[in-house]
């Protein structure tokens, strides 16, 4: 890196805002090339259902079974999970792109017309999802603009099918699916 905070990688010059931090646009472009699955994270608080689309979800541990879920600090779902301390994750199937878009929007009414079941925690489970996991929060960490939830998996269900994928700002299908 030179004195102006520039560095070259693979023949591309990048400008850094801080010697330890990449520019936001360069980071977004690079991380957008990481293919992820698509989930809807849900909870219920005081009789109201909350949900948001999330791709920052991953397994954390098999023993005990745990997940790591990252939600933006501005998310109503995140705030409800902080209060309730339980949530569910529905892993979306390739035909559920419209649900992913609906739950990515802010505001109420996301559950209108959506078929759901309830997990042991009371959180909504999206019908037709490839998998659903009902979770209890064990710890939280703040990372930049997000809250990282570390959670024990209370129950898990799965079915065959192909996943909905997210890549470079768009949804797609992988096929396969057994």
Protein backbone atom coordinates (compact mmCIF):
# COMPACT_ATOMS: atom_id res chain seq x y z
CA UNK A 1 0.00 0.00 0.00
CA UNK A 2 1.36 3.43 -0.86
CA UNK A 3 1.20 6.57 1.32
CA UNK A 4 -2.11 7.64 -0.29
CA UNK A 5 -3.79 4.44 0.86
CA UNK A 6 -3.76 2.73 -2.56
CA UNK A 7 -2.86 -0.86 -3.32
CA UNK A 8 -2.81 -3.03 -6.43
CA UNK A 9 -4.26 -6.53 -6.59
CA UNK A 10 -4.57 -8.65 -9.74
CA UNK A 11 -3.75 -5.57 -11.79
CA UNK A 12 -6.58 -3.50 -10.25
CA UNK A 13 -5.83 -0.39 -8.23
CA UNK A 14 -7.99 0.02 -5.11
CA UNK A 15 -8.34 3.09 -2.89
CA UNK A 16 -8.69 2.49 0.86
CA UNK A 17 -10.51 4.86 3.24
CA UNK A 18 -8.34 3.67 6.11
CA UNK A 19 -5.24 1.47 5.86
CA UNK A 20 -7.19 -1.35 7.58
CA UNK A 21 -10.50 -0.88 5.70
CA UNK A 22 -11.44 -1.30 2.08
CA UNK A 23 -13.79 1.16 0.37
CA UNK A 24 -17.47 0.22 0.76
CA UNK A 25 -18.07 -0.09 -3.01
CA UNK A 26 -15.06 -2.37 -3.49
CA UNK A 27 -16.17 -4.52 -0.55
CA UNK A 28 -19.75 -4.74 -1.85
CA UNK A 29 -18.50 -5.75 -5.30
CA UNK A 30 -16.15 -8.40 -3.92
CA UNK A 31 -18.50 -9.93 -1.32
CA UNK A 32 -21.37 -9.87 -3.82
CA UNK A 33 -19.52 -12.58 -5.72
CA UNK A 34 -19.94 -14.93 -2.76
CA UNK A 35 -22.89 -17.21 -3.55
CA UNK A 36 -25.22 -17.63 -0.57
CA UNK A 37 -28.45 -19.33 0.27
CA UNK A 38 -31.52 -17.25 1.10
CA UNK A 39 -33.47 -17.46 4.33
CA UNK A 40 -36.32 -15.74 6.08
CA UNK A 41 -35.65 -15.12 9.77
CA UNK A 42 -38.82 -14.80 11.86
CA UNK A 43 -40.01 -14.31 15.40
CA UNK A 44 -43.19 -13.50 17.27
CA UNK A 45 -43.41 -10.84 19.97
CA UNK A 46 -46.56 -9.87 21.85
CA UNK A 47 -48.76 -11.66 19.30
CA UNK A 48 -47.16 -9.94 16.28
CA UNK A 49 -45.10 -11.77 13.64
CA UNK A 50 -41.83 -10.28 12.42
CA UNK A 51 -39.67 -11.47 9.53
CA UNK A 52 -36.83 -10.44 7.26
CA UNK A 53 -34.85 -11.93 4.38
CA UNK A 54 -31.28 -12.78 5.35
CA UNK A 55 -28.30 -14.32 3.59
CA UNK A 56 -25.88 -13.88 6.50
CA UNK A 57 -26.85 -17.18 8.15
CA UNK A 58 -24.51 -20.11 8.75
CA UNK A 59 -24.04 -23.16 10.90
CA UNK A 60 -21.78 -22.46 13.87
CA UNK A 61 -21.51 -25.76 15.71
CA UNK A 62 -22.76 -29.34 15.48
CA UNK A 63 -22.22 -30.12 19.16
CA UNK A 64 -24.24 -28.40 20.40
CA UNK A 65 -26.23 -27.54 17.25
CA UNK A 66 -25.90 -23.77 16.77
CA UNK A 67 -26.45 -21.10 14.11
CA UNK A 68 -24.94 -17.68 13.52
CA UNK A 69 -27.37 -15.08 12.11
CA UNK A 70 -26.53 -11.45 11.30
CA UNK A 71 -29.29 -8.80 11.16
CA UNK A 72 -29.07 -5.06 10.53
CA UNK A 73 -29.52 -2.83 13.58
CA UNK A 74 -32.38 -1.03 11.79
CA UNK A 75 -34.41 -4.23 11.40
CA UNK A 76 -37.69 -4.54 13.31
CA UNK A 77 -37.13 -8.30 13.28
CA UNK A 78 -33.75 -7.87 14.92
CA UNK A 79 -35.30 -5.71 17.64
CA UNK A 80 -38.07 -8.26 18.28
CA UNK A 81 -35.53 -11.10 18.49
CA UNK A 82 -33.51 -9.11 21.04
CA UNK A 83 -36.66 -8.86 23.18
CA UNK A 84 -38.03 -12.39 22.63
CA UNK A 85 -34.67 -14.25 22.52
CA UNK A 86 -36.08 -16.86 20.11
CA UNK A 87 -36.43 -17.02 16.32
CA UNK A 88 -36.79 -19.38 13.38
CA UNK A 89 -34.91 -19.63 10.11
CA UNK A 90 -36.66 -20.88 6.95
CA UNK A 91 -34.23 -21.87 4.17
CA UNK A 92 -35.98 -20.89 0.94
CA UNK A 93 -36.54 -23.17 -2.04
CA UNK A 94 -35.87 -22.07 -5.61
CA UNK A 95 -39.56 -21.26 -6.22
CA UNK A 96 -39.77 -18.81 -3.27
CA UNK A 97 -38.09 -15.77 -4.85
CA UNK A 98 -41.20 -13.59 -4.38
CA UNK A 99 -41.21 -14.34 -0.64
CA UNK A 100 -37.54 -13.37 -0.43
CA UNK A 101 -38.33 -10.02 -2.08
CA UNK A 102 -41.41 -9.43 0.10
CA UNK A 103 -39.55 -10.05 3.35
CA UNK A 104 -36.58 -7.93 2.21
CA UNK A 105 -38.83 -4.85 2.29
CA UNK A 106 -39.33 -2.79 5.43
CA UNK A 107 -42.73 -2.47 7.03
CA UNK A 108 -45.67 -4.53 8.16
CA UNK A 109 -47.98 -6.91 6.33
CA UNK A 110 -45.27 -9.28 5.10
CA UNK A 111 -47.16 -12.34 6.35
CA UNK A 112 -50.45 -11.54 4.57
CA UNK A 113 -51.40 -14.59 2.52
CA UNK A 114 -48.25 -16.51 3.49
CA UNK A 115 -48.85 -20.05 4.74
CA UNK A 116 -46.95 -20.68 7.96
CA UNK A 117 -46.66 -23.20 10.75
CA UNK A 118 -45.34 -22.50 14.24
CA UNK A 119 -42.15 -23.83 15.73
CA UNK A 120 -41.78 -24.69 19.42
CA UNK A 121 -40.79 -21.07 20.13
CA UNK A 122 -43.95 -19.74 18.45
CA UNK A 123 -41.95 -18.23 15.59
CA UNK A 124 -43.50 -18.56 12.11
CA UNK A 125 -42.05 -21.25 9.81
CA UNK A 126 -42.52 -20.55 6.07
CA UNK A 127 -44.49 -23.29 4.31
CA UNK A 128 -42.62 -24.89 1.40
CA UNK A 129 -39.16 -23.98 2.72
CA UNK A 130 -36.37 -26.52 2.19
CA UNK A 131 -35.53 -26.45 5.88
CA UNK A 132 -36.68 -24.74 9.04
CA UNK A 133 -34.76 -24.31 12.27
CA UNK A 134 -36.28 -23.09 15.52
CA UNK A 135 -33.69 -21.35 17.70
CA UNK A 136 -33.00 -19.86 21.13
CA UNK A 137 -30.50 -16.96 21.38
CA UNK A 138 -27.49 -17.77 23.54
CA UNK A 139 -25.40 -14.65 22.87
CA UNK A 140 -25.22 -11.50 20.76
CA UNK A 141 -22.30 -9.55 19.38
CA UNK A 142 -22.31 -6.15 17.68
CA UNK A 143 -20.37 -6.04 14.43
CA UNK A 144 -20.50 -2.71 12.60
CA UNK A 145 -24.10 -2.07 11.51
CA UNK A 146 -25.28 -5.56 12.47
CA UNK A 147 -26.16 -7.69 15.47
CA UNK A 148 -24.72 -11.19 15.34
CA UNK A 149 -26.97 -13.76 17.02
CA UNK A 150 -25.41 -16.99 18.28
CA UNK A 151 -28.27 -19.41 18.80
CA UNK A 152 -28.95 -22.97 19.91
CA UNK A 153 -31.13 -24.92 17.49
CA UNK A 154 -34.17 -26.30 19.36
CA UNK A 155 -35.73 -28.19 16.41
CA UNK A 156 -34.86 -28.68 12.74
CA UNK A 157 -36.85 -29.98 9.76
CA UNK A 158 -35.79 -30.55 6.13
CA UNK A 159 -37.24 -31.74 2.83
CA UNK A 160 -35.86 -32.42 -0.65
CA UNK A 161 -35.68 -29.67 -3.25
CA UNK A 162 -33.43 -27.07 -4.83
CA UNK A 163 -32.34 -23.93 -2.94
CA UNK A 164 -32.87 -20.29 -3.78
CA UNK A 165 -29.47 -18.67 -4.33
CA UNK A 166 -28.28 -15.06 -4.04
CA UNK A 167 -25.40 -13.72 -6.15
CA UNK A 168 -24.34 -10.17 -7.09
CA UNK A 169 -27.61 -8.60 -5.95
CA UNK A 170 -29.92 -11.08 -7.63
CA UNK A 171 -31.73 -14.35 -6.97
CA UNK A 172 -31.14 -17.50 -8.95
CA UNK A 173 -31.49 -21.25 -8.99
CA UNK A 174 -28.86 -23.95 -8.73
CA UNK A 175 -30.87 -26.95 -9.83
CA UNK A 176 -30.09 -30.40 -8.55
CA UNK A 177 -31.88 -30.53 -5.26
CA UNK A 178 -32.04 -34.08 -3.97
